[in-house]
Amino acid sequence: MSNILIINGPNLNLLGEREKDKYGNTSLEEIKKNCSSFSKKHNINLSFFQSNIEGEIVNEIQKARKNQNCLIINAGGYTHTSVAIHDALKTINIPIIELHITNIYKREDFRHKSLISNVADGIICGLGVKGYTLALKASIDLIAK
């Protein structure tokens, strides 16, 4: 059984409520349920974490070094600003998938720069909340390598 951690950053706890034109109507709890259902079918032990606090995200990434086989991260706004999250990701020796619900390259200019991309093994963006299950599918392949 593979251990996969999905980390969600700031404001993602408000999915389904905020900027529905960009993020849709699906809540983070619904995403978690969909991911859990997928994980059970594919023999994945899934951990799901969300925080608006940068240091808590860094702590979860550091813990992943010892007990996870793959990390999926939607760092939200921290994608574009957090050297601390970038540095924490560099410390883990497992596959990393960067995930975004929207296409960050079709948004404001400041969102075009990701501090995570150069440490990620793959990036999924612009495919809506389906990106979460796509990231889980990709994780299975990355772990098998």
N, C-alpha and C. Protein backbone atom coordinates (compact mmCIF):
# COMPACT_ATOMS: atom_id res chain seq x y z
N MET A 1 0.85 -1.19 0.00
CA MET A 1 0.00 0.00 0.00
C MET A 1 0.89 1.24 0.00
N SER A 2 0.59 2.16 -0.90
CA SER A 2 1.35 3.41 -0.99
C SER A 2 0.74 4.47 -0.09
N ASN A 3 1.60 5.27 0.50
CA ASN A 3 1.18 6.41 1.33
C ASN A 3 1.35 7.68 0.51
N ILE A 4 0.24 8.39 0.33
CA ILE A 4 0.26 9.64 -0.44
C ILE A 4 -0.35 10.75 0.40
N LEU A 5 0.33 11.88 0.42
CA LEU A 5 -0.12 13.05 1.15
C LEU A 5 -0.53 14.14 0.16
N ILE A 6 -1.72 14.69 0.37
CA ILE A 6 -2.16 15.87 -0.38
C ILE A 6 -2.18 17.05 0.58
N ILE A 7 -1.41 18.09 0.24
CA ILE A 7 -1.36 19.32 1.03
C ILE A 7 -2.06 20.43 0.26
N ASN A 8 -2.92 21.14 0.96
CA ASN A 8 -3.63 22.29 0.40
C ASN A 8 -3.28 23.53 1.21
N GLY A 9 -2.97 24.60 0.51
CA GLY A 9 -2.55 25.83 1.16
C GLY A 9 -3.69 26.79 1.45
N PRO A 10 -3.34 28.07 1.62
CA PRO A 10 -4.27 29.08 2.09
C PRO A 10 -5.48 29.28 1.18
N ASN A 11 -6.60 29.50 1.84
CA ASN A 11 -7.88 29.81 1.23
C ASN A 11 -8.54 28.64 0.50
N LEU A 12 -7.85 27.52 0.40
CA LEU A 12 -8.48 26.37 -0.27
C LEU A 12 -9.57 25.76 0.60
N ASN A 13 -9.56 26.07 1.88
CA ASN A 13 -10.66 25.65 2.75
C ASN A 13 -11.98 26.34 2.37
N LEU A 14 -11.91 27.39 1.55
CA LEU A 14 -13.10 28.11 1.13
C LEU A 14 -13.58 27.72 -0.28
N LEU A 15 -13.02 26.65 -0.82
CA LEU A 15 -13.49 26.19 -2.13
C LEU A 15 -14.99 25.91 -2.07
N GLY A 16 -15.67 26.23 -3.15
CA GLY A 16 -17.12 26.08 -3.20
C GLY A 16 -17.85 27.32 -2.73
N GLU A 17 -17.12 28.23 -2.08
CA GLU A 17 -17.70 29.48 -1.59
C GLU A 17 -17.12 30.70 -2.28
N ARG A 18 -15.83 30.66 -2.60
CA ARG A 18 -15.16 31.85 -3.12
C ARG A 18 -14.85 31.70 -4.61
N GLU A 19 -14.91 32.79 -5.30
CA GLU A 19 -14.56 32.85 -6.72
C GLU A 19 -15.00 31.61 -7.50
N LYS A 20 -16.30 31.34 -7.43
CA LYS A 20 -16.85 30.15 -8.07
C LYS A 20 -16.61 30.15 -9.58
N ASP A 21 -16.49 31.33 -10.16
CA ASP A 21 -16.21 31.41 -11.59
C ASP A 21 -14.84 30.84 -11.93
N LYS A 22 -13.92 30.86 -10.98
CA LYS A 22 -12.58 30.30 -11.21
C LYS A 22 -12.44 28.88 -10.66
N TYR A 23 -13.00 28.65 -9.46
CA TYR A 23 -12.75 27.40 -8.74
C TYR A 23 -13.93 26.44 -8.71
N GLY A 24 -15.10 26.89 -9.14
CA GLY A 24 -16.27 26.02 -9.18
C GLY A 24 -16.99 25.93 -7.85
N ASN A 25 -17.91 24.99 -7.76
CA ASN A 25 -18.79 24.84 -6.60
C ASN A 25 -18.36 23.73 -5.65
N THR A 26 -17.35 22.99 -6.00
CA THR A 26 -16.94 21.84 -5.19
C THR A 26 -16.15 22.29 -3.98
N SER A 27 -16.55 21.81 -2.81
CA SER A 27 -15.85 22.17 -1.57
C SER A 27 -14.60 21.30 -1.40
N LEU A 28 -13.72 21.74 -0.53
CA LEU A 28 -12.53 20.94 -0.23
C LEU A 28 -12.92 19.62 0.41
N GLU A 29 -13.98 19.61 1.20
CA GLU A 29 -14.46 18.37 1.82
C GLU A 29 -14.93 17.39 0.74
N GLU A 30 -15.59 17.89 -0.29
CA GLU A 30 -16.01 17.02 -1.40
C GLU A 30 -14.81 16.48 -2.17
N ILE A 31 -13.81 17.32 -2.37
CA ILE A 31 -12.58 16.87 -3.03
C ILE A 31 -11.94 15.77 -2.20
N LYS A 32 -11.89 15.97 -0.90
CA LYS A 32 -11.31 14.96 -0.01
C LYS A 32 -12.07 13.64 -0.12
N LYS A 33 -13.39 13.69 -0.14
CA LYS A 33 -14.21 12.47 -0.27
C LYS A 33 -13.92 11.78 -1.60
N ASN A 34 -13.84 12.55 -2.68
CA ASN A 34 -13.54 11.96 -4.00
C ASN A 34 -12.16 11.31 -4.01
N CYS A 35 -11.19 11.98 -3.41
CA CYS A 35 -9.83 11.44 -3.34
C CYS A 35 -9.79 10.19 -2.47
N SER A 36 -10.52 10.20 -1.38
CA SER A 36 -10.57 9.03 -0.48
C SER A 36 -11.19 7.84 -1.19
N SER A 37 -12.25 8.07 -1.93
CA SER A 37 -12.90 7.00 -2.69
C SER A 37 -11.95 6.42 -3.74
N PHE A 38 -11.27 7.30 -4.47
CA PHE A 38 -10.28 6.85 -5.46
C PHE A 38 -9.17 6.05 -4.77
N SER A 39 -8.71 6.53 -3.64
CA SER A 39 -7.61 5.91 -2.93
C SER A 39 -7.96 4.50 -2.46
N LYS A 40 -9.16 4.33 -1.96
CA LYS A 40 -9.59 2.99 -1.51
C LYS A 40 -9.59 2.00 -2.66
N LYS A 41 -10.03 2.44 -3.84
CA LYS A 41 -10.08 1.57 -5.01
C LYS A 41 -8.69 1.20 -5.52
N HIS A 42 -7.69 2.03 -5.21
CA HIS A 42 -6.35 1.84 -5.75
C HIS A 42 -5.31 1.52 -4.68
N ASN A 43 -5.79 1.06 -3.53
CA ASN A 43 -4.89 0.60 -2.47
C ASN A 43 -3.89 1.69 -2.04
N ILE A 44 -4.40 2.90 -1.86
CA ILE A 44 -3.59 4.04 -1.41
C ILE A 44 -4.03 4.42 -0.01
N ASN A 45 -3.07 4.61 0.85
CA ASN A 45 -3.32 5.18 2.17
C ASN A 45 -3.15 6.69 2.03
N LEU A 46 -4.28 7.42 2.02
CA LEU A 46 -4.27 8.85 1.73
C LEU A 46 -4.30 9.68 3.01
N SER A 47 -3.45 10.68 3.05
CA SER A 47 -3.50 11.72 4.09
C SER A 47 -3.83 13.03 3.38
N PHE A 48 -4.68 13.83 4.01
CA PHE A 48 -5.17 15.07 3.39
C PHE A 48 -5.00 16.17 4.42
N PHE A 49 -4.33 17.26 4.03
CA PHE A 49 -4.01 18.32 4.97
C PHE A 49 -4.26 19.68 4.32
N GLN A 50 -4.80 20.60 5.10
CA GLN A 50 -4.98 21.97 4.63
C GLN A 50 -4.61 22.92 5.76
N SER A 51 -3.90 24.00 5.39
CA SER A 51 -3.60 25.04 6.36
C SER A 51 -3.45 26.37 5.64
N ASN A 52 -3.83 27.43 6.35
CA ASN A 52 -3.59 28.78 5.88
C ASN A 52 -2.26 29.32 6.40
N ILE A 53 -1.55 28.49 7.17
CA ILE A 53 -0.33 28.92 7.86
C ILE A 53 0.89 28.26 7.22
N GLU A 54 1.78 29.07 6.70
CA GLU A 54 2.96 28.59 5.98
C GLU A 54 3.78 27.61 6.80
N GLY A 55 4.05 27.93 8.06
CA GLY A 55 4.88 27.06 8.89
C GLY A 55 4.27 25.68 9.10
N GLU A 56 2.94 25.61 9.20
CA GLU A 56 2.28 24.31 9.35
C GLU A 56 2.46 23.47 8.09
N ILE A 57 2.42 24.11 6.94
CA ILE A 57 2.64 23.40 5.68
C ILE A 57 4.08 22.88 5.62
N VAL A 58 5.02 23.71 6.01
CA VAL A 58 6.43 23.28 6.06
C VAL A 58 6.58 22.08 6.99
N ASN A 59 5.95 22.12 8.15
CA ASN A 59 6.02 20.99 9.08
C ASN A 59 5.49 19.70 8.46
N GLU A 60 4.37 19.78 7.74
CA GLU A 60 3.79 18.59 7.10
C GLU A 60 4.72 18.04 6.02
N ILE A 61 5.33 18.93 5.26
CA ILE A 61 6.28 18.50 4.23
C ILE A 61 7.45 17.77 4.88
N GLN A 62 7.97 18.32 5.95
CA GLN A 62 9.09 17.68 6.64
C GLN A 62 8.71 16.32 7.18
N LYS A 63 7.50 16.17 7.73
CA LYS A 63 7.04 14.87 8.22
C LYS A 63 6.94 13.85 7.09
N ALA A 64 6.61 14.32 5.90
CA ALA A 64 6.42 13.43 4.75
C ALA A 64 7.71 12.68 4.38
N ARG A 65 8.85 13.22 4.76
CA ARG A 65 10.13 12.56 4.44
C ARG A 65 10.18 11.15 4.99
N LYS A 66 9.51 10.92 6.11
CA LYS A 66 9.64 9.63 6.81
C LYS A 66 8.50 8.67 6.55
N ASN A 67 7.33 9.16 6.12
CA ASN A 67 6.20 8.23 6.07
C ASN A 67 5.35 8.30 4.80
N GLN A 68 5.79 9.00 3.79
CA GLN A 68 5.01 9.11 2.56
C GLN A 68 5.81 8.62 1.36
N ASN A 69 5.07 8.13 0.35
CA ASN A 69 5.70 7.68 -0.89
C ASN A 69 5.57 8.72 -2.00
N CYS A 70 4.66 9.67 -1.83
CA CYS A 70 4.48 10.73 -2.82
C CYS A 70 3.75 11.90 -2.16
N LEU A 71 4.03 13.10 -2.63
CA LEU A 71 3.40 14.31 -2.11
C LEU A 71 2.76 15.08 -3.26
N ILE A 72 1.49 15.42 -3.08
CA ILE A 72 0.77 16.29 -4.00
C ILE A 72 0.53 17.59 -3.25
N ILE A 73 0.89 18.72 -3.86
CA ILE A 73 0.74 19.99 -3.16
C ILE A 73 0.07 21.03 -4.04
N ASN A 74 -1.00 21.58 -3.50
CA ASN A 74 -1.64 22.78 -4.05
C ASN A 74 -1.36 23.86 -3.00
N ALA A 75 -0.30 24.58 -3.19
CA ALA A 75 0.14 25.56 -2.19
C ALA A 75 -0.63 26.87 -2.26
N GLY A 76 -1.63 26.96 -3.13
CA GLY A 76 -2.40 28.19 -3.24
C GLY A 76 -1.48 29.38 -3.48
N GLY A 77 -1.75 30.48 -2.84
CA GLY A 77 -0.95 31.70 -3.01
C GLY A 77 0.51 31.54 -2.61
N TYR A 78 0.81 30.57 -1.74
CA TYR A 78 2.21 30.35 -1.35
C TYR A 78 3.05 29.82 -2.51
N THR A 79 2.41 29.32 -3.54
CA THR A 79 3.13 28.86 -4.73
C THR A 79 4.06 29.94 -5.25
N HIS A 80 3.61 31.17 -5.18
CA HIS A 80 4.30 32.28 -5.83
C HIS A 80 5.20 33.07 -4.88
N THR A 81 5.15 32.73 -3.59
CA THR A 81 5.86 33.57 -2.61
C THR A 81 6.72 32.83 -1.61
N SER A 82 6.52 31.53 -1.43
CA SER A 82 7.14 30.87 -0.28
C SER A 82 8.45 30.16 -0.60
N VAL A 83 9.53 30.81 -0.24
CA VAL A 83 10.84 30.17 -0.31
C VAL A 83 10.91 29.05 0.73
N ALA A 84 10.25 29.23 1.87
CA ALA A 84 10.26 28.20 2.93
C ALA A 84 9.63 26.89 2.44
N ILE A 85 8.52 26.96 1.74
CA ILE A 85 7.90 25.74 1.20
C ILE A 85 8.79 25.14 0.12
N HIS A 86 9.33 25.95 -0.74
CA HIS A 86 10.29 25.48 -1.75
C HIS A 86 11.43 24.72 -1.09
N ASP A 87 12.04 25.32 -0.07
CA ASP A 87 13.18 24.69 0.59
C ASP A 87 12.79 23.40 1.30
N ALA A 88 11.60 23.36 1.90
CA ALA A 88 11.13 22.14 2.56
C ALA A 88 10.94 21.03 1.52
N LEU A 89 10.37 21.37 0.38
CA LEU A 89 10.17 20.36 -0.67
C LEU A 89 11.50 19.79 -1.16
N LYS A 90 12.53 20.62 -1.16
CA LYS A 90 13.85 20.13 -1.59
C LYS A 90 14.42 19.09 -0.62
N THR A 91 13.92 19.04 0.61
CA THR A 91 14.47 18.11 1.60
C THR A 91 13.88 16.70 1.50
N ILE A 92 12.81 16.54 0.74
CA ILE A 92 12.19 15.21 0.68
C ILE A 92 12.62 14.48 -0.58
N ASN A 93 12.76 13.18 -0.44
CA ASN A 93 13.25 12.37 -1.54
C ASN A 93 12.15 11.44 -2.04
N ILE A 94 10.98 12.02 -2.31
CA ILE A 94 9.85 11.29 -2.86
C ILE A 94 9.29 12.12 -4.02
N PRO A 95 8.52 11.49 -4.90
CA PRO A 95 7.92 12.27 -5.99
C PRO A 95 7.00 13.37 -5.46
N ILE A 96 7.04 14.50 -6.15
CA ILE A 96 6.23 15.67 -5.79
C ILE A 96 5.43 16.09 -7.03
N ILE A 97 4.13 16.28 -6.83
CA ILE A 97 3.29 16.80 -7.91
C ILE A 97 2.72 18.14 -7.45
N GLU A 98 2.97 19.16 -8.25
CA GLU A 98 2.40 20.49 -8.01
C GLU A 98 1.03 20.53 -8.68
N LEU A 99 0.04 21.02 -7.96
CA LEU A 99 -1.33 20.99 -8.44
C LEU A 99 -1.98 22.37 -8.30
N HIS A 100 -2.71 22.76 -9.34
CA HIS A 100 -3.50 23.99 -9.32
C HIS A 100 -4.83 23.73 -10.00
N ILE A 101 -5.90 24.20 -9.42
CA ILE A 101 -7.23 24.04 -10.00
C ILE A 101 -7.36 24.87 -11.27
N THR A 102 -6.86 26.08 -11.23
CA THR A 102 -6.90 26.96 -12.40
C THR A 102 -5.57 26.90 -13.15
N ASN A 103 -5.59 27.42 -14.35
CA ASN A 103 -4.35 27.54 -15.12
C ASN A 103 -3.66 28.83 -14.69
N ILE A 104 -2.61 28.68 -13.88
CA ILE A 104 -1.94 29.86 -13.33
C ILE A 104 -1.33 30.74 -14.42
N TYR A 105 -1.13 30.19 -15.62
CA TYR A 105 -0.52 30.96 -16.70
C TYR A 105 -1.55 31.77 -17.49
N LYS A 106 -2.83 31.60 -17.16
CA LYS A 106 -3.89 32.40 -17.79
C LYS A 106 -4.46 33.40 -16.80
N ARG A 107 -3.74 33.62 -15.71
CA ARG A 107 -4.21 34.52 -14.66
C ARG A 107 -3.28 35.72 -14.54
N GLU A 108 -3.33 36.40 -13.42
CA GLU A 108 -2.50 37.60 -13.22
C GLU A 108 -1.02 37.25 -13.38
N ASP A 109 -0.26 38.24 -13.83
CA ASP A 109 1.17 38.02 -14.10
C ASP A 109 1.92 37.47 -12.90
N PHE A 110 1.60 37.94 -11.70
CA PHE A 110 2.35 37.47 -10.53
C PHE A 110 2.15 35.97 -10.28
N ARG A 111 1.07 35.41 -10.81
CA ARG A 111 0.82 33.97 -10.64
C ARG A 111 1.58 33.11 -11.65
N HIS A 112 2.22 33.71 -12.61
CA HIS A 112 2.93 32.96 -13.64
C HIS A 112 4.23 32.36 -13.11
N LYS A 113 4.72 32.86 -12.01
CA LYS A 113 5.98 32.36 -11.43
C LYS A 113 5.65 31.43 -10.25
N SER A 114 6.10 30.19 -10.36
CA SER A 114 5.93 29.23 -9.27
C SER A 114 7.29 28.93 -8.66
N LEU A 115 7.38 29.05 -7.35
CA LEU A 115 8.62 28.69 -6.66
C LEU A 115 8.68 27.19 -6.39
N ILE A 116 7.63 26.47 -6.71
CA ILE A 116 7.55 25.03 -6.47
C ILE A 116 7.93 24.21 -7.70
N SER A 117 7.65 24.74 -8.88
CA SER A 117 7.79 23.96 -10.11
C SER A 117 9.15 23.32 -10.30
N ASN A 118 10.19 24.02 -9.94
CA ASN A 118 11.52 23.45 -10.21
C ASN A 118 11.93 22.35 -9.24
N VAL A 119 11.11 22.07 -8.23
CA VAL A 119 11.39 20.92 -7.36
C VAL A 119 10.32 19.83 -7.52
N ALA A 120 9.30 20.10 -8.33
CA ALA A 120 8.24 19.13 -8.56
C ALA A 120 8.61 18.20 -9.72
N ASP A 121 8.12 16.96 -9.61
CA ASP A 121 8.32 16.00 -10.70
C ASP A 121 7.31 16.22 -11.82
N GLY A 122 6.18 16.81 -11.50
CA GLY A 122 5.15 17.07 -12.48
C GLY A 122 4.23 18.17 -11.99
N ILE A 123 3.50 18.77 -12.94
CA ILE A 123 2.59 19.87 -12.63
C ILE A 123 1.25 19.59 -13.32
N ILE A 124 0.18 19.74 -12.56
CA ILE A 124 -1.17 19.67 -13.12
C ILE A 124 -1.83 21.01 -12.83
N CYS A 125 -2.28 21.70 -13.87
CA CYS A 125 -2.96 22.96 -13.64
C CYS A 125 -4.01 23.20 -14.71
N GLY A 126 -5.09 23.86 -14.28
CA GLY A 126 -6.11 24.27 -15.22
C GLY A 126 -7.17 23.23 -15.53
N LEU A 127 -7.17 22.10 -14.83
CA LEU A 127 -8.13 21.04 -15.12
C LEU A 127 -9.22 20.94 -14.07
N GLY A 128 -9.34 21.98 -13.27
CA GLY A 128 -10.36 22.00 -12.24
C GLY A 128 -10.07 21.03 -11.11
N VAL A 129 -11.11 20.70 -10.36
CA VAL A 129 -10.92 19.82 -9.21
C VAL A 129 -10.61 18.39 -9.63
N LYS A 130 -10.84 18.05 -10.89
CA LYS A 130 -10.46 16.73 -11.39
C LYS A 130 -8.94 16.54 -11.34
N GLY A 131 -8.23 17.64 -11.25
CA GLY A 131 -6.78 17.57 -11.15
C GLY A 131 -6.32 16.75 -9.94
N TYR A 132 -7.12 16.73 -8.90
CA TYR A 132 -6.75 15.96 -7.71
C TYR A 132 -6.69 14.46 -8.00
N THR A 133 -7.72 13.93 -8.66
CA THR A 133 -7.67 12.50 -8.97
C THR A 133 -6.63 12.21 -10.06
N LEU A 134 -6.44 13.14 -10.97
CA LEU A 134 -5.38 12.97 -11.96
C LEU A 134 -4.01 12.92 -11.29
N ALA A 135 -3.83 13.75 -10.27
CA ALA A 135 -2.57 13.73 -9.53
C ALA A 135 -2.39 12.41 -8.79
N LEU A 136 -3.46 11.87 -8.24
CA LEU A 136 -3.37 10.56 -7.58
C LEU A 136 -2.99 9.47 -8.59
N LYS A 137 -3.60 9.51 -9.78
CA LYS A 137 -3.24 8.54 -10.82
C LYS A 137 -1.77 8.66 -11.19
N ALA A 138 -1.32 9.89 -11.37
CA ALA A 138 0.09 10.11 -11.70
C ALA A 138 1.00 9.65 -10.57
N SER A 139 0.56 9.82 -9.33
CA SER A 139 1.36 9.38 -8.18
C SER A 139 1.62 7.88 -8.22
N ILE A 140 0.58 7.14 -8.58
CA ILE A 140 0.74 5.68 -8.67
C ILE A 140 1.88 5.34 -9.63
N ASP A 141 1.90 5.99 -10.79
CA ASP A 141 2.95 5.74 -11.78
C ASP A 141 4.31 6.18 -11.28
N LEU A 142 4.38 7.34 -10.63
CA LEU A 142 5.66 7.83 -10.12
C LEU A 142 6.23 6.93 -9.03
N ILE A 143 5.37 6.43 -8.18
CA ILE A 143 5.82 5.54 -7.11
C ILE A 143 6.34 4.22 -7.69
N ALA A 144 5.70 3.75 -8.76
CA ALA A 144 6.08 2.47 -9.37
C ALA A 144 7.44 2.53 -10.07
N LYS A 145 7.89 3.73 -10.40
CA LYS A 145 9.18 3.87 -11.13
C LYS A 145 10.35 3.39 -10.30
